[in-house]
PDB file of all heavy atoms in Angstrom:
ATOM      1  N   ASP A   1      66.705 -17.096  18.901  1.00  0.00           N
ATOM      2  CA  ASP A   1      65.819 -15.935  18.757  1.00  0.00           C
ATOM      3  C   ASP A   1      65.943 -14.978  19.938  1.00  0.00           C
ATOM      4  O   ASP A   1      65.055 -14.145  20.158  1.00  0.00           O
ATOM      5  CB  ASP A   1      64.360 -16.402  18.640  1.00  0.00           C
ATOM      6  CG  ASP A   1      64.111 -17.238  17.399  1.00  0.00           C
ATOM      7  OD1 ASP A   1      64.679 -16.899  16.344  1.00  0.00           O
ATOM      8  OD2 ASP A   1      63.350 -18.221  17.486  1.00  0.00           O
ATOM      9  N   ILE A   2      67.029 -15.083  20.688  1.00  0.00           N
ATOM     10  CA  ILE A   2      67.156 -14.304  21.912  1.00  0.00           C
ATOM     11  C   ILE A   2      67.076 -12.809  21.651  1.00  0.00           C
ATOM     12  O   ILE A   2      66.433 -12.069  22.406  1.00  0.00           O
ATOM     13  CB  ILE A   2      68.473 -14.669  22.654  1.00  0.00           C
ATOM     14  CG1 ILE A   2      68.544 -13.948  23.996  1.00  0.00           C
ATOM     15  CG2 ILE A   2      69.690 -14.383  21.798  1.00  0.00           C
ATOM     16  CD1 ILE A   2      67.512 -14.362  24.990  1.00  0.00           C
ATOM     17  N   LEU A   3      67.726 -12.321  20.576  1.00  0.00           N
ATOM     18  CA  LEU A   3      67.706 -10.878  20.301  1.00  0.00           C
ATOM     19  C   LEU A   3      66.300 -10.408  19.939  1.00  0.00           C
ATOM     20  O   LEU A   3      65.838  -9.357  20.410  1.00  0.00           O
ATOM     21  CB  LEU A   3      68.691 -10.548  19.181  1.00  0.00           C
ATOM     22  CG  LEU A   3      70.176 -10.749  19.523  1.00  0.00           C
ATOM     23  CD1 LEU A   3      71.046 -10.395  18.321  1.00  0.00           C
ATOM     24  CD2 LEU A   3      70.568  -9.894  20.717  1.00  0.00           C
ATOM     25  N   SER A   4      65.617 -11.202  19.121  1.00  0.00           N
ATOM     26  CA  SER A   4      64.234 -10.854  18.765  1.00  0.00           C
ATOM     27  C   SER A   4      63.332 -10.882  19.989  1.00  0.00           C
ATOM     28  O   SER A   4      62.489  -9.992  20.176  1.00  0.00           O
ATOM     29  CB  SER A   4      63.723 -11.821  17.702  1.00  0.00           C
ATOM     30  OG  SER A   4      62.359 -11.595  17.432  1.00  0.00           O
ATOM     31  N   ASP A   5      63.530 -11.892  20.833  1.00  0.00           N
ATOM     32  CA  ASP A   5      62.704 -12.003  22.039  1.00  0.00           C
ATOM     33  C   ASP A   5      62.978 -10.852  23.008  1.00  0.00           C
ATOM     34  O   ASP A   5      62.061 -10.336  23.655  1.00  0.00           O
ATOM     35  CB  ASP A   5      62.983 -13.335  22.741  1.00  0.00           C
ATOM     36  CG  ASP A   5      62.503 -14.530  21.927  1.00  0.00           C
ATOM     37  OD1 ASP A   5      61.693 -14.317  21.003  1.00  0.00           O
ATOM     38  OD2 ASP A   5      62.939 -15.660  22.212  1.00  0.00           O
ATOM     39  N   LEU A   6      64.239 -10.448  23.107  1.00  0.00           N
ATOM     40  CA  LEU A   6      64.571  -9.307  23.964  1.00  0.00           C
ATOM     41  C   LEU A   6      63.933  -8.035  23.440  1.00  0.00           C
ATOM     42  O   LEU A   6      63.479  -7.182  24.208  1.00  0.00           O
ATOM     43  CB  LEU A   6      66.090  -9.145  24.052  1.00  0.00           C
ATOM     44  CG  LEU A   6      66.820 -10.129  24.976  1.00  0.00           C
ATOM     45  CD1 LEU A   6      68.329  -9.989  24.816  1.00  0.00           C
ATOM     46  CD2 LEU A   6      66.418  -9.913  26.435  1.00  0.00           C
ATOM     47  N   GLY A   7      63.892  -7.894  22.098  1.00  0.00           N
ATOM     48  CA  GLY A   7      63.234  -6.727  21.514  1.00  0.00           C
ATOM     49  C   GLY A   7      61.751  -6.688  21.833  1.00  0.00           C
ATOM     50  O   GLY A   7      61.199  -5.635  22.169  1.00  0.00           O
ATOM     51  N   THR A   8      61.104  -7.852  21.758  1.00  0.00           N
ATOM     52  CA  THR A   8      59.685  -7.930  22.098  1.00  0.00           C
ATOM     53  C   THR A   8      59.459  -7.611  23.569  1.00  0.00           C
ATOM     54  O   THR A   8      58.514  -6.903  23.935  1.00  0.00           O
ATOM     55  CB  THR A   8      59.144  -9.338  21.783  1.00  0.00           C
ATOM     56  OG1 THR A   8      59.353  -9.629  20.394  1.00  0.00           O
ATOM     57  CG2 THR A   8      57.668  -9.440  22.113  1.00  0.00           C
ATOM     58  N   TYR A   9      60.355  -8.115  24.425  1.00  0.00           N
ATOM     59  CA  TYR A   9      60.251  -7.834  25.862  1.00  0.00           C
ATOM     60  C   TYR A   9      60.398  -6.336  26.124  1.00  0.00           C
ATOM     61  O   TYR A   9      59.637  -5.749  26.904  1.00  0.00           O
ATOM     62  CB  TYR A   9      61.326  -8.611  26.615  1.00  0.00           C
ATOM     63  CG  TYR A   9      61.317  -8.364  28.103  1.00  0.00           C
ATOM     64  CD1 TYR A   9      60.439  -9.052  28.927  1.00  0.00           C
ATOM     65  CD2 TYR A   9      62.181  -7.438  28.682  1.00  0.00           C
ATOM     66  CE1 TYR A   9      60.412  -8.831  30.299  1.00  0.00           C
ATOM     67  CE2 TYR A   9      62.164  -7.200  30.047  1.00  0.00           C
ATOM     68  CZ  TYR A   9      61.271  -7.902  30.852  1.00  0.00           C
ATOM     69  OH  TYR A   9      61.246  -7.669  32.197  1.00  0.00           O
ATOM     70  N   PHE A  10      61.353  -5.699  25.449  1.00  0.00           N
ATOM     71  CA  PHE A  10      61.570  -4.265  25.643  1.00  0.00           C
ATOM     72  C   PHE A  10      60.350  -3.472  25.181  1.00  0.00           C
ATOM     73  O   PHE A  10      59.938  -2.504  25.839  1.00  0.00           O
ATOM     74  CB  PHE A  10      62.812  -3.820  24.880  1.00  0.00           C
ATOM     75  CG  PHE A  10      63.024  -2.332  24.890  1.00  0.00           C
ATOM     76  CD1 PHE A  10      63.474  -1.688  26.033  1.00  0.00           C
ATOM     77  CD2 PHE A  10      62.751  -1.573  23.760  1.00  0.00           C
ATOM     78  CE1 PHE A  10      63.650  -0.312  26.051  1.00  0.00           C
ATOM     79  CE2 PHE A  10      62.921  -0.195  23.769  1.00  0.00           C
ATOM     80  CZ  PHE A  10      63.377   0.433  24.912  1.00  0.00           C
ATOM     81  N   GLU A  11      59.753  -3.857  24.058  1.00  0.00           N
ATOM     82  CA  GLU A  11      58.585  -3.143  23.543  1.00  0.00           C
ATOM     83  C   GLU A  11      57.434  -3.140  24.545  1.00  0.00           C
ATOM     84  O   GLU A  11      56.645  -2.184  24.589  1.00  0.00           O
ATOM     85  CB  GLU A  11      58.121  -3.789  22.233  1.00  0.00           C
ATOM     86  CG  GLU A  11      59.069  -3.556  21.059  1.00  0.00           C
ATOM     87  CD  GLU A  11      58.636  -4.338  19.836  1.00  0.00           C
ATOM     88  OE1 GLU A  11      57.572  -4.999  19.892  1.00  0.00           O
ATOM     89  OE2 GLU A  11      59.344  -4.294  18.820  1.00  0.00           O
ATOM     90  N   ASP A  12      57.336  -4.187  25.331  1.00  0.00           N
ATOM     91  CA  ASP A  12      56.236  -4.280  26.308  1.00  0.00           C
ATOM     92  C   ASP A  12      56.571  -3.655  27.656  1.00  0.00           C
ATOM     93  O   ASP A  12      55.664  -3.265  28.400  1.00  0.00           O
ATOM     94  CB  ASP A  12      55.853  -5.745  26.531  1.00  0.00           C
ATOM     95  CG  ASP A  12      54.952  -6.285  25.442  1.00  0.00           C
ATOM     96  OD1 ASP A  12      54.576  -5.506  24.548  1.00  0.00           O
ATOM     97  OD2 ASP A  12      54.623  -7.486  25.479  1.00  0.00           O
ATOM     98  N   HIS A  13      57.872  -3.565  27.993  1.00  0.00           N
ATOM     99  CA  HIS A  13      58.239  -3.212  29.368  1.00  0.00           C
ATOM    100  C   HIS A  13      59.074  -1.935  29.498  1.00  0.00           C
ATOM    101  O   HIS A  13      59.480  -1.597  30.620  1.00  0.00           O
ATOM    102  CB  HIS A  13      59.028  -4.370  30.001  1.00  0.00           C
ATOM    103  CG  HIS A  13      58.213  -5.618  30.201  1.00  0.00           C
ATOM    104  ND1 HIS A  13      57.448  -5.847  31.316  1.00  0.00           N
ATOM    105  CD2 HIS A  13      58.055  -6.706  29.399  1.00  0.00           C
ATOM    106  CE1 HIS A  13      56.849  -7.026  31.215  1.00  0.00           C
ATOM    107  NE2 HIS A  13      57.200  -7.566  30.062  1.00  0.00           N
ATOM    108  N   PHE A  14      59.339  -1.219  28.407  1.00  0.00           N
ATOM    109  CA  PHE A  14      60.203  -0.044  28.551  1.00  0.00           C
ATOM    110  C   PHE A  14      59.580   0.980  29.501  1.00  0.00           C
ATOM    111  O   PHE A  14      58.362   1.034  29.684  1.00  0.00           O
ATOM    112  CB  PHE A  14      60.537   0.579  27.197  1.00  0.00           C
ATOM    113  CG  PHE A  14      59.365   1.146  26.433  1.00  0.00           C
ATOM    114  CD1 PHE A  14      58.853   2.398  26.729  1.00  0.00           C
ATOM    115  CD2 PHE A  14      58.795   0.437  25.381  1.00  0.00           C
ATOM    116  CE1 PHE A  14      57.798   2.938  26.018  1.00  0.00           C
ATOM    117  CE2 PHE A  14      57.752   0.965  24.655  1.00  0.00           C
ATOM    118  CZ  PHE A  14      57.242   2.214  24.976  1.00  0.00           C
ATOM    119  N   ALA A  15      60.434   1.773  30.122  1.00  0.00           N
ATOM    120  CA  ALA A  15      60.002   2.700  31.173  1.00  0.00           C
ATOM    121  C   ALA A  15      59.011   3.733  30.640  1.00  0.00           C
ATOM    122  O   ALA A  15      59.146   4.226  29.516  1.00  0.00           O
ATOM    123  CB  ALA A  15      61.221   3.406  31.767  1.00  0.00           C
ATOM    124  N   TYR A  16      58.004   4.026  31.445  1.00  0.00           N
ATOM    125  CA  TYR A  16      57.002   5.047  31.136  1.00  0.00           C
ATOM    126  C   TYR A  16      56.238   4.732  29.852  1.00  0.00           C
ATOM    127  O   TYR A  16      55.761   5.629  29.156  1.00  0.00           O
ATOM    128  CB  TYR A  16      57.650   6.443  31.048  1.00  0.00           C
ATOM    129  CG  TYR A  16      58.465   6.802  32.259  1.00  0.00           C
ATOM    130  CD1 TYR A  16      59.856   6.867  32.187  1.00  0.00           C
ATOM    131  CD2 TYR A  16      57.851   7.035  33.485  1.00  0.00           C
ATOM    132  CE1 TYR A  16      60.618   7.176  33.303  1.00  0.00           C
ATOM    133  CE2 TYR A  16      58.607   7.348  34.617  1.00  0.00           C
ATOM    134  CZ  TYR A  16      59.989   7.415  34.514  1.00  0.00           C
ATOM    135  OH  TYR A  16      60.741   7.699  35.624  1.00  0.00           O
ATOM    136  N   ARG A  17      56.109   3.458  29.557  1.00  0.00           N
ATOM    137  CA  ARG A  17      55.407   3.058  28.328  1.00  0.00           C
ATOM    138  C   ARG A  17      53.963   3.553  28.336  1.00  0.00           C
ATOM    139  O   ARG A  17      53.484   4.131  27.355  1.00  0.00           O
ATOM    140  CB  ARG A  17      55.436   1.532  28.180  1.00  0.00           C
ATOM    141  CG  ARG A  17      54.741   1.015  26.925  1.00  0.00           C
ATOM    142  CD  ARG A  17      54.748  -0.506  26.887  1.00  0.00           C
ATOM    143  NE  ARG A  17      54.241  -1.005  25.626  1.00  0.00           N
ATOM    144  CZ  ARG A  17      52.963  -1.190  25.359  1.00  0.00           C
ATOM    145  NH1 ARG A  17      52.046  -0.896  26.288  1.00  0.00           N
ATOM    146  NH2 ARG A  17      52.585  -1.653  24.179  1.00  0.00           N
ATOM    147  N   ASN A  18      53.243   3.308  29.424  1.00  0.00           N
ATOM    148  CA  ASN A  18      51.839   3.701  29.473  1.00  0.00           C
ATOM    149  C   ASN A  18      51.664   5.203  29.328  1.00  0.00           C
ATOM    150  O   ASN A  18      50.758   5.677  28.633  1.00  0.00           O
ATOM    151  CB  ASN A  18      51.213   3.225  30.786  1.00  0.00           C
ATOM    152  CG  ASN A  18      51.070   1.710  30.841  1.00  0.00           C
ATOM    153  OD1 ASN A  18      51.031   1.043  29.812  1.00  0.00           O
ATOM    154  ND2 ASN A  18      50.998   1.167  32.043  1.00  0.00           N
ATOM    155  N   GLU A  19      52.553   5.957  29.960  1.00  0.00           N
ATOM    156  CA  GLU A  19      52.457   7.419  29.871  1.00  0.00           C
ATOM    157  C   GLU A  19      52.742   7.909  28.444  1.00  0.00           C
ATOM    158  O   GLU A  19      52.057   8.804  27.937  1.00  0.00           O
ATOM    159  CB  GLU A  19      53.435   8.062  30.854  1.00  0.00           C
ATOM    160  CG  GLU A  19      53.055   7.935  32.325  1.00  0.00           C
ATOM    161  CD  GLU A  19      53.345   6.548  32.894  1.00  0.00           C
ATOM    162  OE1 GLU A  19      53.999   5.741  32.197  1.00  0.00           O
ATOM    163  OE2 GLU A  19      52.922   6.287  34.038  1.00  0.00           O
ATOM    164  N   LEU A  20      53.730   7.321  27.800  1.00  0.00           N
ATOM    165  CA  LEU A  20      54.064   7.733  26.442  1.00  0.00           C
ATOM    166  C   LEU A  20      52.975   7.331  25.459  1.00  0.00           C
ATOM    167  O   LEU A  20      52.639   8.094  24.534  1.00  0.00           O
ATOM    168  CB  LEU A  20      55.407   7.117  26.034  1.00  0.00           C
ATOM    169  CG  LEU A  20      56.631   7.656  26.776  1.00  0.00           C
ATOM    170  CD1 LEU A  20      57.866   6.835  26.442  1.00  0.00           C
ATOM    171  CD2 LEU A  20      56.862   9.130  26.451  1.00  0.00           C
ATOM    172  N   VAL A  21      52.413   6.139  25.643  1.00  0.00           N
ATOM    173  CA  VAL A  21      51.309   5.713  24.770  1.00  0.00           C
ATOM    174  C   VAL A  21      50.111   6.625  24.949  1.00  0.00           C
ATOM    175  O   VAL A  21      49.456   7.028  23.983  1.00  0.00           O
ATOM    176  CB  VAL A  21      50.933   4.244  25.078  1.00  0.00           C
ATOM    177  CG1 VAL A  21      49.643   3.863  24.360  1.00  0.00           C
ATOM    178  CG2 VAL A  21      52.058   3.312  24.647  1.00  0.00           C
ATOM    179  N   ALA A  22      49.807   6.985  26.204  1.00  0.00           N
ATOM    180  CA  ALA A  22      48.676   7.879  26.468  1.00  0.00           C
ATOM    181  C   ALA A  22      48.923   9.268  25.878  1.00  0.00           C
ATOM    182  O   ALA A  22      48.017   9.872  25.300  1.00  0.00           O
ATOM    183  CB  ALA A  22      48.427   7.976  27.973  1.00  0.00           C
ATOM    184  N   LEU A  23      50.148   9.775  26.015  1.00  0.00           N
ATOM    185  CA  LEU A  23      50.475  11.084  25.450  1.00  0.00           C
ATOM    186  C   LEU A  23      50.282  11.087  23.946  1.00  0.00           C
ATOM    187  O   LEU A  23      49.707  12.025  23.370  1.00  0.00           O
ATOM    188  CB  LEU A  23      51.923  11.448  25.799  1.00  0.00           C
ATOM    189  CG  LEU A  23      52.436  12.783  25.237  1.00  0.00           C
ATOM    190  CD1 LEU A  23      51.595  13.943  25.770  1.00  0.00           C
ATOM    191  CD2 LEU A  23      53.910  12.975  25.583  1.00  0.00           C
ATOM    192  N   ASN A  24      50.744  10.027  23.279  1.00  0.00           N
ATOM    193  CA  ASN A  24      50.550   9.910  21.836  1.00  0.00           C
ATOM    194  C   ASN A  24      49.065   9.891  21.487  1.00  0.00           C
ATOM    195  O   ASN A  24      48.627  10.528  20.524  1.00  0.00           O
ATOM    196  CB  ASN A  24      51.232   8.639  21.329  1.00  0.00           C
ATOM    197  CG  ASN A  24      50.988   8.393  19.858  1.00  0.00           C
ATOM    198  OD1 ASN A  24      51.253   9.255  19.016  1.00  0.00           O
ATOM    199  ND2 ASN A  24      50.474   7.221  19.528  1.00  0.00           N
ATOM    200  N   ALA A  25      48.272   9.173  22.292  1.00  0.00           N
ATOM    201  CA  ALA A  25      46.836   9.084  22.027  1.00  0.00           C
ATOM    202  C   ALA A  25      46.161  10.439  22.191  1.00  0.00           C
ATOM    203  O   ALA A  25      45.310  10.825  21.374  1.00  0.00           O
ATOM    204  CB  ALA A  25      46.198   8.049  22.959  1.00  0.00           C
ATOM    205  N   TYR A  26      46.521  11.176  23.239  1.00  0.00           N
ATOM    206  CA  TYR A  26      45.917  12.494  23.435  1.00  0.00           C
ATOM    207  C   TYR A  26      46.270  13.439  22.285  1.00  0.00           C
ATOM    208  O   TYR A  26      45.435  14.228  21.833  1.00  0.00           O
ATOM    209  CB  TYR A  26      46.363  13.088  24.767  1.00  0.00           C
ATOM    210  CG  TYR A  26      45.553  12.608  25.939  1.00  0.00           C
ATOM    211  CD1 TYR A  26      46.095  11.762  26.901  1.00  0.00           C
ATOM    212  CD2 TYR A  26      44.221  12.992  26.097  1.00  0.00           C
ATOM    213  CE1 TYR A  26      45.348  11.310  27.979  1.00  0.00           C
ATOM    214  CE2 TYR A  26      43.460  12.544  27.163  1.00  0.00           C
ATOM    215  CZ  TYR A  26      44.031  11.710  28.102  1.00  0.00           C
ATOM    216  OH  TYR A  26      43.272  11.262  29.148  1.00  0.00           O
ATOM    217  N   LEU A  27      47.502  13.381  21.805  1.00  0.00           N
ATOM    218  CA  LEU A  27      47.900  14.229  20.688  1.00  0.00           C
ATOM    219  C   LEU A  27      47.147  13.846  19.421  1.00  0.00           C
ATOM    220  O   LEU A  27      46.651  14.718  18.688  1.00  0.00           O
ATOM    221  CB  LEU A  27      49.414  14.122  20.465  1.00  0.00           C
ATOM    222  CG  LEU A  27      50.300  14.727  21.563  1.00  0.00           C
ATOM    223  CD1 LEU A  27      51.771  14.425  21.297  1.00  0.00           C
ATOM    224  CD2 LEU A  27      50.074  16.236  21.655  1.00  0.00           C
ATOM    225  N   ARG A  28      47.052  12.541  19.157  1.00  0.00           N
ATOM    226  CA  ARG A  28      46.396  12.092  17.932  1.00  0.00           C
ATOM    227  C   ARG A  28      44.894  12.383  17.952  1.00  0.00           C
ATOM    228  O   ARG A  28      44.329  12.829  16.957  1.00  0.00           O
ATOM    229  CB  ARG A  28      46.638  10.589  17.752  1.00  0.00           C
ATOM    230  CG  ARG A  28      48.067  10.213  17.381  1.00  0.00           C
ATOM    231  CD  ARG A  28      48.311  10.357  15.890  1.00  0.00           C
ATOM    232  NE  ARG A  28      47.516   9.424  15.132  1.00  0.00           N
ATOM    233  CZ  ARG A  28      47.841   8.153  14.886  1.00  0.00           C
ATOM    234  NH1 ARG A  28      48.976   7.671  15.391  1.00  0.00           N
ATOM    235  NH2 ARG A  28      47.057   7.391  14.163  1.00  0.00           N
ATOM    236  N   THR A  29      44.255  12.108  19.077  1.00  0.00           N
ATOM    237  CA  THR A  29      42.813  12.349  19.138  1.00  0.00           C
ATOM    238  C   THR A  29      42.496  13.838  19.187  1.00  0.00           C
ATOM    239  O   THR A  29      41.482  14.283  18.639  1.00  0.00           O
ATOM    240  CB  THR A  29      42.201  11.649  20.359  1.00  0.00           C
ATOM    241  OG1 THR A  29      42.871  12.090  21.553  1.00  0.00           O
ATOM    242  CG2 THR A  29      42.323  10.153  20.244  1.00  0.00           C
ATOM    243  N   GLY A  30      43.371  14.616  19.842  1.00  0.00           N
ATOM    244  CA  GLY A  30      43.126  16.048  19.957  1.00  0.00           C
ATOM    245  C   GLY A  30      43.400  16.816  18.681  1.00  0.00           C
ATOM    246  O   GLY A  30      42.664  17.751  18.333  1.00  0.00           O
ATOM    247  N   LEU A  31      44.440  16.436  17.950  1.00  0.00           N
ATOM    248  CA  LEU A  31      44.830  17.180  16.754  1.00  0.00           C
ATOM    249  C   LEU A  31      44.235  16.625  15.475  1.00  0.00           C
ATOM    250  O   LEU A  31      43.887  17.380  14.560  1.00  0.00           O
ATOM    251  CB  LEU A  31      46.367  17.203  16.640  1.00  0.00           C
ATOM    252  CG  LEU A  31      47.106  17.884  17.799  1.00  0.00           C
ATOM    253  CD1 LEU A  31      48.615  17.763  17.591  1.00  0.00           C
ATOM    254  CD2 LEU A  31      46.702  19.355  17.898  1.00  0.00           C
ATOM    255  N   ALA A  32      44.119  15.304  15.385  1.00  0.00           N
ATOM    256  CA  ALA A  32      43.658  14.681  14.139  1.00  0.00           C
ATOM    257  C   ALA A  32      42.349  13.918  14.297  1.00  0.00           C
ATOM    258  O   ALA A  32      41.822  13.396  13.310  1.00  0.00           O
ATOM    259  CB  ALA A  32      44.736  13.742  13.604  1.00  0.00           C
ATOM    260  N   ALA A  33      41.803  13.849  15.509  1.00  0.00           N
ATOM    261  CA  ALA A  33      40.548  13.136  15.774  1.00  0.00           C
ATOM    262  C   ALA A  33      40.606  11.691  15.286  1.00  0.00           C
ATOM    263  O   ALA A  33      39.628  11.155  14.768  1.00  0.00           O
ATOM    264  CB  ALA A  33      39.366  13.861  15.147  1.00  0.00           C
ATOM    265  N   THR A  34      41.741  11.045  15.444  1.00  0.00           N
ATOM    266  CA  THR A  34      41.907   9.639  15.071  1.00  0.00           C
ATOM    267  C   THR A  34      42.526   8.883  16.241  1.00  0.00           C
ATOM    268  O   THR A  34      43.207   9.469  17.082  1.00  0.00           O
ATOM    269  CB  THR A  34      42.805   9.469  13.837  1.00  0.00           C
ATOM    270  OG1 THR A  34      44.099  10.023  14.118  1.00  0.00           O
ATOM    271  CG2 THR A  34      42.193  10.154  12.633  1.00  0.00           C
ATOM    272  N   SER A  35      42.293   7.597  16.274  1.00  0.00           N
ATOM    273  CA  SER A  35      42.798   6.771  17.364  1.00  0.00           C
ATOM    274  C   SER A  35      44.051   6.023  16.938  1.00  0.00           C
ATOM    275  O   SER A  35      44.048   5.357  15.899  1.00  0.00           O
ATOM    276  CB  SER A  35      41.730   5.762  17.796  1.00  0.00           C
ATOM    277  OG  SER A  35      42.279   4.770  18.630  1.00  0.00           O
ATOM    278  N   PRO A  36      45.124   6.090  17.715  1.00  0.00           N
ATOM    279  CA  PRO A  36      46.310   5.300  17.408  1.00  0.00           C
ATOM    280  C   PRO A  36      46.194   3.856  17.873  1.00  0.00           C
ATOM    281  O   PRO A  36      47.020   3.023  17.511  1.00  0.00           O
ATOM    282  CB  PRO A  36      47.420   6.025  18.178  1.00  0.00           C
ATOM    283  CG  PRO A  36      46.720   6.625  19.347  1.00  0.00           C
ATOM    284  CD  PRO A  36      45.343   6.999  18.858  1.00  0.00           C
ATOM    285  N   ALA A  37      45.173   3.549  18.667  1.00  0.00           N
ATOM    286  CA  ALA A  37      44.972   2.182  19.157  1.00  0.00           C
ATOM    287  C   ALA A  37      44.164   1.400  18.133  1.00  0.00           C
ATOM    288  O   ALA A  37      43.037   1.793  17.792  1.00  0.00           O
ATOM    289  CB  ALA A  37      44.239   2.203  20.501  1.00  0.00           C
ATOM    290  N   PRO A  38      44.690   0.298  17.603  1.00  0.00           N
ATOM    291  CA  PRO A  38      43.986  -0.430  16.542  1.00  0.00           C
ATOM    292  C   PRO A  38      42.644  -0.998  16.968  1.00  0.00           C
ATOM    293  O   PRO A  38      41.781  -1.245  16.129  1.00  0.00           O
ATOM    294  CB  PRO A  38      44.971  -1.551  16.170  1.00  0.00           C
ATOM    295  CG  PRO A  38      45.876  -1.694  17.344  1.00  0.00           C
ATOM    296  CD  PRO A  38      45.980  -0.335  17.950  1.00  0.00           C
ATOM    297  N   SER A  39      42.423  -1.197  18.262  1.00  0.00           N
ATOM    298  CA  SER A  39      41.172  -1.788  18.728  1.00  0.00           C
ATOM    299  C   SER A  39      40.116  -0.749  19.101  1.00  0.00           C
ATOM    300  O   SER A  39      39.011  -1.116  19.494  1.00  0.00           O
ATOM    301  CB  SER A  39      41.436  -2.692  19.934  1.00  0.00           C
ATOM    302  OG  SER A  39      42.076  -1.970  20.967  1.00  0.00           O
TER     303      SER A  39
END
């Protein structure tokens, strides 16, 4: 499962992840008034 595990690792650790997630959230909440975060 090394390839699958590497994909999961990349999803959590890719560069500027927090900034990109926050940018997506600001766009979604600002334009559509909805949250992209499931929680």
